[in-house]
Amino acid sequence: MATKIEQTAPTREPLTNERILLAAVALADQGGVDSLSMRKVAQELGVVPMALYKHVANKDEMLDGMIDAVVGEIDPPLADADWKTTMRERVLSARRALLRHPWASQVIESRTNPTPMVIGYMDSMIGILRKGGFSIDLTHHAMHAMGSRALGFSQELFDDTPDDPPAVQAIQAQWMAETYPNISEMVAGITHDDATVVGLGCDDQFEFEFALDLMLDGLERLRRNDSTAPRSRSASPPAGKGRSAT
């Protein structure tokens, strides 16, 4: 008697929003976000493009989800540190996430509305300031001053990345030296670590941390002088004054 051998087809992993976003992030990491498309993500996942639309409405919604995935990589706030250390470490964690995903800062800047994870992140950053003894008013000013640095990158006014042939750059440099000597002197005397630049321009790690520390130090001085600020258990006492006995 012939024996019927039943062959079971391999089980395909269900398509989920998380799988789509992880695939999209990986493709953007490899080739940039401009070349990303719903079709390419579908090919990566081994499905037809229409299958994606059951989970994401369009590319814009997918980009929002990708930003949330990147923000989800940021470390949570430190539990037992002062506000400045907590804020600094959180911002630098955000920057590490952007260095892993070089396209992310560009997409963040392109969004007209913040995504849920970005809103949650900003809410937690406000909480760090409030717990650190900042008044509502000073917290508001601090968040405006931090701007995109709270998310790990500086917004540059111009993209000064050279893209002309070397011969053209040499002519431009000579003209700049004659026309704008102060700018030329500064440009000639500085170097940047290209491997740590986020986005366009010269926002490398040293420049970013320099500006971040300058801002945090200034905010700490304002916090100490703010008579409307609530007392904080994590705040250091003003210089020259000890903690009151309890």
Protein backbone atom coordinates (compact mmCIF):
# COMPACT_ATOMS: atom_id res chain seq x y z
CA MET A 1 0.00 0.00 0.00
CA ALA A 2 1.30 3.37 -0.91
CA THR A 3 2.00 5.63 2.00
CA LYS A 4 0.84 9.22 1.68
CA ILE A 5 3.51 11.60 2.89
CA GLU A 6 2.12 14.89 4.00
CA GLN A 7 4.42 17.81 3.50
CA THR A 8 3.85 20.72 5.78
CA ALA A 9 4.69 24.13 4.36
CA PRO A 10 6.99 26.21 6.57
CA THR A 11 5.11 28.64 8.77
CA ARG A 12 5.60 32.24 7.67
CA GLU A 13 6.25 34.74 10.43
CA PRO A 14 3.20 37.01 10.74
CA LEU A 15 3.58 40.50 9.34
CA THR A 16 3.40 43.08 12.11
CA ASN A 17 3.93 46.81 12.47
CA GLU A 18 7.12 46.12 14.43
CA ARG A 19 8.58 43.90 11.69
CA ILE A 20 7.80 46.52 9.06
CA LEU A 21 9.47 49.30 11.06
CA LEU A 22 12.55 47.22 11.88
CA ALA A 23 12.99 46.36 8.20
CA ALA A 24 12.48 50.00 7.19
CA VAL A 25 15.03 51.22 9.75
CA ALA A 26 17.58 48.65 8.56
CA LEU A 27 17.09 49.68 4.91
CA ALA A 28 17.41 53.37 5.78
CA ASP A 29 20.60 52.61 7.72
CA GLN A 30 22.03 50.92 4.62
CA GLY A 31 20.95 53.26 1.85
CA GLY A 32 19.52 56.41 3.38
CA VAL A 33 15.94 57.48 3.80
CA ASP A 34 15.50 59.17 0.42
CA SER A 35 15.73 55.85 -1.42
CA LEU A 36 13.37 54.11 0.99
CA SER A 37 10.01 53.01 -0.42
CA MET A 38 7.10 50.81 0.56
CA ARG A 39 8.04 48.48 -2.31
CA LYS A 40 11.59 48.01 -1.03
CA VAL A 41 10.37 47.29 2.49
CA ALA A 42 7.90 44.74 1.11
CA GLN A 43 10.67 43.04 -0.87
CA GLU A 44 12.84 42.90 2.23
CA LEU A 45 10.03 41.19 4.13
CA GLY A 46 9.07 38.88 1.26
CA VAL A 47 5.52 40.18 0.91
CA VAL A 48 3.57 42.15 -1.68
CA PRO A 49 3.49 45.94 -1.14
CA MET A 50 -0.26 45.95 -0.50
CA ALA A 51 0.30 43.80 2.59
CA LEU A 52 2.09 46.72 4.27
CA TYR A 53 -0.92 48.99 3.99
CA LYS A 54 -2.83 46.88 6.49
CA HIS A 55 -0.34 48.13 9.11
CA VAL A 56 0.91 51.53 7.88
CA ALA A 57 -1.14 53.94 5.79
CA ASN A 58 1.72 55.36 3.72
CA LYS A 59 5.43 56.21 3.75
CA ASP A 60 4.90 59.24 6.01
CA GLU A 61 3.28 57.09 8.66
CA MET A 62 6.10 54.60 8.30
CA LEU A 63 8.67 57.38 8.79
CA ASP A 64 6.86 58.44 11.97
CA GLY A 65 7.07 54.88 13.24
CA MET A 66 10.76 54.69 12.34
CA ILE A 67 11.45 57.82 14.41
CA ASP A 68 9.59 56.28 17.34
CA ALA A 69 11.73 53.13 16.96
CA VAL A 70 14.92 55.22 17.13
CA VAL A 71 13.72 57.27 20.12
CA GLY A 72 12.85 53.98 21.81
CA GLU A 73 16.58 53.15 21.79
CA ILE A 74 17.41 56.10 24.09
CA ASP A 75 18.38 55.07 27.60
CA PRO A 76 15.90 55.87 30.38
CA PRO A 77 16.77 58.65 32.83
CA LEU A 78 19.29 57.84 35.57
CA ALA A 79 17.54 57.02 38.82
CA ASP A 80 19.80 58.56 41.47
CA ALA A 81 21.76 61.37 39.81
CA ASP A 82 21.42 65.16 39.89
CA TRP A 83 19.42 66.86 37.14
CA LYS A 84 22.43 68.00 35.11
CA THR A 85 24.09 64.59 34.99
CA THR A 86 20.76 62.95 34.17
CA MET A 87 20.01 65.43 31.39
CA ARG A 88 23.51 65.18 29.93
CA GLU A 89 23.55 61.38 29.87
CA ARG A 90 20.08 61.22 28.34
CA VAL A 91 20.99 63.68 25.59
CA LEU A 92 24.22 61.83 24.80
CA SER A 93 22.28 58.56 24.67
CA ALA A 94 19.95 60.20 22.14
CA ARG A 95 22.98 61.27 20.13
CA ARG A 96 24.36 57.72 20.11
CA ALA A 97 21.03 56.56 18.69
CA LEU A 98 21.29 59.16 15.92
CA LEU A 99 24.85 58.09 15.13
CA ARG A 100 23.55 54.55 14.67
CA HIS A 101 20.85 55.88 12.35
CA PRO A 102 22.35 58.83 10.40
CA TRP A 103 19.10 59.53 8.52
CA ALA A 104 17.02 60.07 11.68
CA SER A 105 17.85 63.73 12.40
CA GLN A 106 16.79 64.69 8.86
CA VAL A 107 13.45 62.91 9.29
CA ILE A 108 12.87 64.45 12.73
CA GLU A 109 13.35 67.92 11.24
CA SER A 110 10.93 67.12 8.41
CA ARG A 111 8.01 66.15 10.66
CA THR A 112 5.23 68.71 11.02
CA ASN A 113 3.96 67.09 14.23
CA PRO A 114 5.93 65.24 16.92
CA THR A 115 5.41 61.50 17.13
CA PRO A 116 4.08 59.85 20.33
CA MET A 117 7.54 58.64 21.40
CA VAL A 118 9.06 62.07 20.83
CA ILE A 119 6.31 63.66 22.92
CA GLY A 120 6.91 61.12 25.67
CA TYR A 121 10.65 61.76 25.54
CA MET A 122 10.17 65.52 25.82
CA ASP A 123 7.74 65.02 28.69
CA SER A 124 10.38 63.02 30.56
CA MET A 125 13.00 65.72 29.91
CA ILE A 126 10.66 68.34 31.37
CA GLY A 127 10.22 66.02 34.34
CA ILE A 128 14.00 65.91 34.86
CA LEU A 129 14.13 69.70 35.03
CA ARG A 130 11.14 69.96 37.36
CA LYS A 131 12.52 67.30 39.69
CA GLY A 132 15.86 69.15 39.60
CA GLY A 133 14.30 72.28 41.05
CA PHE A 134 13.40 74.30 37.95
CA SER A 135 10.34 76.53 38.03
CA ILE A 136 7.73 76.13 35.29
CA ASP A 137 8.89 79.37 33.68
CA LEU A 138 12.57 78.44 33.70
CA THR A 139 11.76 74.92 32.48
CA HIS A 140 9.94 76.48 29.54
CA HIS A 141 12.94 78.67 28.69
CA ALA A 142 15.33 75.74 29.12
CA MET A 143 13.44 73.50 26.71
CA HIS A 144 13.40 76.28 24.10
CA ALA A 145 17.12 76.85 24.58
CA MET A 146 17.88 73.14 24.26
CA GLY A 147 15.86 72.81 21.07
CA SER A 148 16.97 69.90 18.91
CA ARG A 149 19.96 69.28 21.21
CA ALA A 150 17.55 67.55 23.59
CA LEU A 151 17.21 64.91 20.86
CA GLY A 152 20.95 64.66 20.26
CA PHE A 153 21.68 66.97 17.33
CA SER A 154 22.24 70.63 16.52
CA GLN A 155 20.27 72.29 13.75
CA GLU A 156 22.75 73.89 11.35
CA LEU A 157 21.82 77.04 9.44
CA PHE A 158 23.75 75.96 6.35
CA ASP A 159 25.14 72.78 4.86
CA ASP A 160 28.82 73.63 4.43
CA THR A 161 29.85 70.15 3.28
CA PRO A 162 32.07 70.69 0.20
CA ASP A 163 30.82 68.93 -2.94
CA ASP A 164 32.79 70.73 -5.65
CA PRO A 165 35.92 69.33 -7.32
CA PRO A 166 39.20 70.12 -5.47
CA ALA A 167 40.28 72.66 -8.12
CA VAL A 168 37.04 74.60 -7.70
CA GLN A 169 37.33 74.43 -3.90
CA ALA A 170 40.84 75.93 -4.13
CA ILE A 171 39.54 78.88 -6.16
CA GLN A 172 36.66 79.38 -3.74
CA ALA A 173 39.05 79.23 -0.76
CA GLN A 174 41.25 81.93 -2.29
CA TRP A 175 38.23 84.15 -2.93
CA MET A 176 36.94 83.57 0.61
CA ALA A 177 40.34 84.46 2.09
CA GLU A 178 40.36 87.76 0.23
CA THR A 179 36.70 88.62 0.85
CA TYR A 180 35.98 87.14 4.29
CA PRO A 181 39.35 86.88 6.07
CA ASN A 182 37.97 86.16 9.56
CA ILE A 183 35.81 83.26 8.42
CA SER A 184 38.68 81.90 6.34
CA GLU A 185 41.10 82.08 9.25
CA MET A 186 38.72 80.12 11.46
CA VAL A 187 37.91 77.50 8.82
CA ALA A 188 41.61 76.96 8.10
CA GLY A 189 42.40 76.41 11.76
CA ILE A 190 39.72 73.89 12.74
CA THR A 191 39.21 70.19 12.23
CA HIS A 192 36.20 67.96 12.79
CA ASP A 193 35.77 64.27 13.49
CA ASP A 194 33.65 63.28 10.50
CA ALA A 195 32.83 59.90 12.05
CA THR A 196 30.92 61.62 14.88
CA VAL A 197 29.01 64.20 12.82
CA VAL A 198 25.22 64.00 13.02
CA GLY A 199 23.32 65.42 10.05
CA LEU A 200 24.73 68.16 7.87
CA GLY A 201 27.42 70.70 8.70
CA CYS A 202 30.07 70.34 11.40
CA ASP A 203 28.07 69.01 14.34
CA ASP A 204 30.69 66.53 15.53
CA GLN A 205 30.88 65.10 19.05
CA PHE A 206 33.25 67.71 20.48
CA GLU A 207 31.23 70.64 19.14
CA PHE A 208 28.00 69.08 20.37
CA GLU A 209 29.27 68.39 23.90
CA PHE A 210 30.90 71.83 24.10
CA ALA A 211 27.57 73.54 23.40
CA LEU A 212 25.63 71.11 25.60
CA ASP A 213 27.87 71.64 28.64
CA LEU A 214 27.86 75.39 28.12
CA MET A 215 24.08 75.36 28.13
CA LEU A 216 23.70 73.04 31.12
CA ASP A 217 26.16 75.11 33.18
CA GLY A 218 24.25 78.27 32.33
CA LEU A 219 20.92 76.67 33.21
CA GLU A 220 22.31 75.55 36.56
CA ARG A 221 23.32 79.15 37.39
CA LEU A 222 19.84 80.35 36.45
CA ARG A 223 18.23 77.61 38.53
CA ARG A 224 20.22 78.62 41.61
CA ASN A 225 19.24 82.25 41.18
CA ASP A 226 15.58 81.55 40.45
CA SER A 227 13.63 82.55 43.56
CA THR A 228 10.45 80.95 42.19
CA ALA A 229 12.02 77.51 41.72
CA PRO A 230 10.83 74.68 44.02
CA ARG A 231 13.37 73.09 46.32
CA SER A 232 14.93 69.90 44.98
CA ARG A 233 16.37 66.98 46.86
CA SER A 234 18.78 66.33 43.96
CA ALA A 235 19.98 69.92 43.64
CA SER A 236 23.36 70.97 44.98
CA PRO A 237 23.45 73.87 47.47
CA PRO A 238 24.68 77.27 46.24
CA ALA A 239 28.43 77.88 46.47
CA GLY A 240 29.48 78.90 49.95
CA LYS A 241 26.38 77.57 51.63
CA GLY A 242 25.97 74.22 53.29
CA ARG A 243 22.86 72.11 53.55
CA SER A 244 20.58 72.97 56.43
CA ALA A 245 20.39 70.46 59.24
CA THR A 246 17.26 68.36 59.52
